[in-house]
């Protein structure tokens, strides 16, 4: 019935059962529960501005130095595209993967690249910074 009434806008069967189960168990909130784990994004306004300031101070700094100065963390690495305007980027470009949600290994696997090939591409692009979280 829902598919007939709402067509493509209708929720899937699995999601309907999930919500039914939640409401049946007394959960009346429609908000997601907080989750542990890695952050949803590594690209925050604060991180981007911090990196831009470091680059303005000394353009010859390496990515490793920028990370050391600004963004210390654990050993998971997330590529972040600094450009606010993504127009004009080729569809096959890796920029589409630089959401801060995937680790380098996930992006390499998705694009069939070795870590070295990925690092070479990132090194050639001044708008991409690797952030260690």
C-alpha atoms as a PDB file:
ATOM      1  CA  UNK A   1       0.000   0.000   0.000  1.00  0.00           C
ATOM      2  CA  UNK A   2       2.757   2.460   0.865  1.00  0.00           C
ATOM      3  CA  UNK A   3       4.556   1.810  -2.433  1.00  0.00           C
ATOM      4  CA  UNK A   4       1.313   2.491  -4.305  1.00  0.00           C
ATOM      5  CA  UNK A   5       0.702   5.752  -2.450  1.00  0.00           C
ATOM      6  CA  UNK A   6       4.262   7.108  -2.209  1.00  0.00           C
ATOM      7  CA  UNK A   7       5.978   5.324  -5.126  1.00  0.00           C
ATOM      8  CA  UNK A   8       9.777   5.825  -4.966  1.00  0.00           C
ATOM      9  CA  UNK A   9       9.519   8.015  -1.856  1.00  0.00           C
ATOM     10  CA  UNK A  10       8.257   5.119   0.277  1.00  0.00           C
ATOM     11  CA  UNK A  11      10.564   3.561   2.873  1.00  0.00           C
ATOM     12  CA  UNK A  12      11.896   0.115   2.179  1.00  0.00           C
ATOM     13  CA  UNK A  13      10.439  -2.914   3.922  1.00  0.00           C
ATOM     14  CA  UNK A  14      13.498  -3.412   6.142  1.00  0.00           C
ATOM     15  CA  UNK A  15      13.414   0.191   7.339  1.00  0.00           C
ATOM     16  CA  UNK A  16       9.678  -0.034   8.087  1.00  0.00           C
ATOM     17  CA  UNK A  17      10.288  -3.126  10.228  1.00  0.00           C
ATOM     18  CA  UNK A  18      13.166  -1.342  12.003  1.00  0.00           C
ATOM     19  CA  UNK A  19      10.994   1.661  12.896  1.00  0.00           C
ATOM     20  CA  UNK A  20       8.103  -0.594  13.923  1.00  0.00           C
ATOM     21  CA  UNK A  21      10.428  -2.473  16.264  1.00  0.00           C
ATOM     22  CA  UNK A  22      11.749   0.768  17.779  1.00  0.00           C
ATOM     23  CA  UNK A  23       8.287   2.180  18.440  1.00  0.00           C
ATOM     24  CA  UNK A  24       7.044  -1.147  19.781  1.00  0.00           C
ATOM     25  CA  UNK A  25       9.916  -1.152  22.296  1.00  0.00           C
ATOM     26  CA  UNK A  26       8.995   2.337  23.482  1.00  0.00           C
ATOM     27  CA  UNK A  27      11.633   4.340  21.621  1.00  0.00           C
ATOM     28  CA  UNK A  28       9.756   7.440  20.530  1.00  0.00           C
ATOM     29  CA  UNK A  29      12.742   9.522  19.422  1.00  0.00           C
ATOM     30  CA  UNK A  30      13.357   9.729  15.694  1.00  0.00           C
ATOM     31  CA  UNK A  31      16.916  11.020  16.218  1.00  0.00           C
ATOM     32  CA  UNK A  32      19.916   8.749  15.756  1.00  0.00           C
ATOM     33  CA  UNK A  33      21.664   7.554  18.885  1.00  0.00           C
ATOM     34  CA  UNK A  34      25.237   8.750  19.450  1.00  0.00           C
ATOM     35  CA  UNK A  35      27.801   6.241  18.214  1.00  0.00           C
ATOM     36  CA  UNK A  36      31.336   5.543  19.220  1.00  0.00           C
ATOM     37  CA  UNK A  37      34.087   5.137  16.671  1.00  0.00           C
ATOM     38  CA  UNK A  38      35.829   7.422  14.282  1.00  0.00           C
ATOM     39  CA  UNK A  39      34.356  10.849  13.578  1.00  0.00           C
ATOM     40  CA  UNK A  40      31.927  11.218  10.703  1.00  0.00           C
ATOM     41  CA  UNK A  41      34.303  13.624   9.004  1.00  0.00           C
ATOM     42  CA  UNK A  42      37.855  14.815   9.370  1.00  0.00           C
ATOM     43  CA  UNK A  43      37.151  17.901   7.301  1.00  0.00           C
ATOM     44  CA  UNK A  44      36.015  20.576   9.682  1.00  0.00           C
ATOM     45  CA  UNK A  45      36.197  24.305   9.171  1.00  0.00           C
ATOM     46  CA  UNK A  46      38.655  24.485  12.057  1.00  0.00           C
ATOM     47  CA  UNK A  47      40.999  21.865  10.553  1.00  0.00           C
ATOM     48  CA  UNK A  48      40.934  23.458   7.092  1.00  0.00           C
ATOM     49  CA  UNK A  49      41.656  26.937   8.477  1.00  0.00           C
ATOM     50  CA  UNK A  50      44.444  25.629  10.696  1.00  0.00           C
ATOM     51  CA  UNK A  51      46.109  23.930   7.723  1.00  0.00           C
ATOM     52  CA  UNK A  52      45.695  26.988   5.485  1.00  0.00           C
ATOM     53  CA  UNK A  53      47.347  29.203   8.118  1.00  0.00           C
ATOM     54  CA  UNK A  54      50.301  26.835   8.410  1.00  0.00           C
ATOM     55  CA  UNK A  55      50.682  26.762   4.616  1.00  0.00           C
ATOM     56  CA  UNK A  56      50.510  30.594   4.438  1.00  0.00           C
ATOM     57  CA  UNK A  57      53.302  30.845   7.013  1.00  0.00           C
ATOM     58  CA  UNK A  58      55.630  28.553   5.079  1.00  0.00           C
ATOM     59  CA  UNK A  59      54.624  27.024   1.736  1.00  0.00           C
ATOM     60  CA  UNK A  60      57.674  24.750   1.754  1.00  0.00           C
ATOM     61  CA  UNK A  61      56.443  22.658   4.672  1.00  0.00           C
ATOM     62  CA  UNK A  62      55.879  19.015   3.945  1.00  0.00           C
ATOM     63  CA  UNK A  63      52.613  17.248   4.665  1.00  0.00           C
ATOM     64  CA  UNK A  64      54.326  15.406   7.514  1.00  0.00           C
ATOM     65  CA  UNK A  65      55.370  18.718   9.095  1.00  0.00           C
ATOM     66  CA  UNK A  66      51.868  20.147   8.742  1.00  0.00           C
ATOM     67  CA  UNK A  67      50.374  17.096  10.411  1.00  0.00           C
ATOM     68  CA  UNK A  68      52.994  17.195  13.168  1.00  0.00           C
ATOM     69  CA  UNK A  69      52.290  20.865  13.898  1.00  0.00           C
ATOM     70  CA  UNK A  70      48.517  20.862  13.614  1.00  0.00           C
ATOM     71  CA  UNK A  71      46.744  17.539  13.674  1.00  0.00           C
ATOM     72  CA  UNK A  72      48.347  14.922  15.877  1.00  0.00           C
ATOM     73  CA  UNK A  73      46.352  11.767  16.452  1.00  0.00           C
ATOM     74  CA  UNK A  74      46.260   8.028  16.087  1.00  0.00           C
ATOM     75  CA  UNK A  75      47.446   6.152  13.026  1.00  0.00           C
ATOM     76  CA  UNK A  76      44.368   6.364  10.779  1.00  0.00           C
ATOM     77  CA  UNK A  77      44.945   8.649   7.818  1.00  0.00           C
ATOM     78  CA  UNK A  78      42.139  10.513   6.041  1.00  0.00           C
ATOM     79  CA  UNK A  79      42.657  12.539   2.870  1.00  0.00           C
ATOM     80  CA  UNK A  80      40.870  15.888   2.938  1.00  0.00           C
ATOM     81  CA  UNK A  81      40.236  18.066  -0.105  1.00  0.00           C
ATOM     82  CA  UNK A  82      40.746  21.695   0.951  1.00  0.00           C
ATOM     83  CA  UNK A  83      39.107  23.357  -2.039  1.00  0.00           C
ATOM     84  CA  UNK A  84      35.635  24.692  -1.255  1.00  0.00           C
ATOM     85  CA  UNK A  85      34.722  24.664  -4.949  1.00  0.00           C
ATOM     86  CA  UNK A  86      34.816  21.244  -6.590  1.00  0.00           C
ATOM     87  CA  UNK A  87      33.553  22.418 -10.006  1.00  0.00           C
ATOM     88  CA  UNK A  88      35.755  21.464 -12.908  1.00  0.00           C
ATOM     89  CA  UNK A  89      37.141  18.338 -11.290  1.00  0.00           C
ATOM     90  CA  UNK A  90      37.181  15.331 -13.598  1.00  0.00           C
ATOM     91  CA  UNK A  91      34.686  12.609 -12.733  1.00  0.00           C
ATOM     92  CA  UNK A  92      37.425   9.990 -12.534  1.00  0.00           C
ATOM     93  CA  UNK A  93      39.434  12.161 -10.159  1.00  0.00           C
ATOM     94  CA  UNK A  94      40.143  10.885  -6.679  1.00  0.00           C
ATOM     95  CA  UNK A  95      38.704  14.124  -5.289  1.00  0.00           C
ATOM     96  CA  UNK A  96      35.281  12.491  -5.196  1.00  0.00           C
ATOM     97  CA  UNK A  97      36.617  10.143  -2.518  1.00  0.00           C
ATOM     98  CA  UNK A  98      38.134  12.837  -0.334  1.00  0.00           C
ATOM     99  CA  UNK A  99      35.233  13.207   2.055  1.00  0.00           C
ATOM    100  CA  UNK A 100      37.253  12.487   5.147  1.00  0.00           C
ATOM    101  CA  UNK A 101      35.134   9.400   5.697  1.00  0.00           C
ATOM    102  CA  UNK A 102      37.417   6.835   4.117  1.00  0.00           C
ATOM    103  CA  UNK A 103      40.892   5.831   5.116  1.00  0.00           C
ATOM    104  CA  UNK A 104      43.676   5.793   2.545  1.00  0.00           C
ATOM    105  CA  UNK A 105      43.458   2.002   2.353  1.00  0.00           C
ATOM    106  CA  UNK A 106      39.724   2.146   1.563  1.00  0.00           C
ATOM    107  CA  UNK A 107      40.275   4.687  -1.218  1.00  0.00           C
ATOM    108  CA  UNK A 108      43.212   2.741  -2.687  1.00  0.00           C
ATOM    109  CA  UNK A 109      41.126  -0.428  -2.715  1.00  0.00           C
ATOM    110  CA  UNK A 110      38.133   1.312  -4.322  1.00  0.00           C
ATOM    111  CA  UNK A 111      40.293   2.842  -7.088  1.00  0.00           C
ATOM    112  CA  UNK A 112      42.670  -0.097  -7.589  1.00  0.00           C
ATOM    113  CA  UNK A 113      45.726   1.902  -6.550  1.00  0.00           C
ATOM    114  CA  UNK A 114      48.748   0.972  -4.517  1.00  0.00           C
ATOM    115  CA  UNK A 115      49.499   3.171  -1.518  1.00  0.00           C
ATOM    116  CA  UNK A 116      52.498   4.583  -3.395  1.00  0.00           C
ATOM    117  CA  UNK A 117      50.380   5.511  -6.447  1.00  0.00           C
ATOM    118  CA  UNK A 118      47.879   7.206  -4.156  1.00  0.00           C
ATOM    119  CA  UNK A 119      50.606   9.116  -2.296  1.00  0.00           C
ATOM    120  CA  UNK A 120      52.071  10.268  -5.621  1.00  0.00           C
ATOM    121  CA  UNK A 121      48.692  11.658  -6.729  1.00  0.00           C
ATOM    122  CA  UNK A 122      48.130  13.392  -3.388  1.00  0.00           C
ATOM    123  CA  UNK A 123      51.638  14.875  -3.481  1.00  0.00           C
ATOM    124  CA  UNK A 124      50.959  16.457  -6.895  1.00  0.00           C
ATOM    125  CA  UNK A 125      47.722  18.097  -5.694  1.00  0.00           C
ATOM    126  CA  UNK A 126      48.193  21.153  -3.428  1.00  0.00           C
ATOM    127  CA  UNK A 127      44.524  21.134  -2.378  1.00  0.00           C
ATOM    128  CA  UNK A 128      44.672  17.733  -0.699  1.00  0.00           C
ATOM    129  CA  UNK A 129      46.053  17.170   2.765  1.00  0.00           C
ATOM    130  CA  UNK A 130      46.275  13.907   4.673  1.00  0.00           C
ATOM    131  CA  UNK A 131      44.948  14.201   8.209  1.00  0.00           C
ATOM    132  CA  UNK A 132      45.911  11.678  10.865  1.00  0.00           C
ATOM    133  CA  UNK A 133      43.128  10.908  13.312  1.00  0.00           C
END
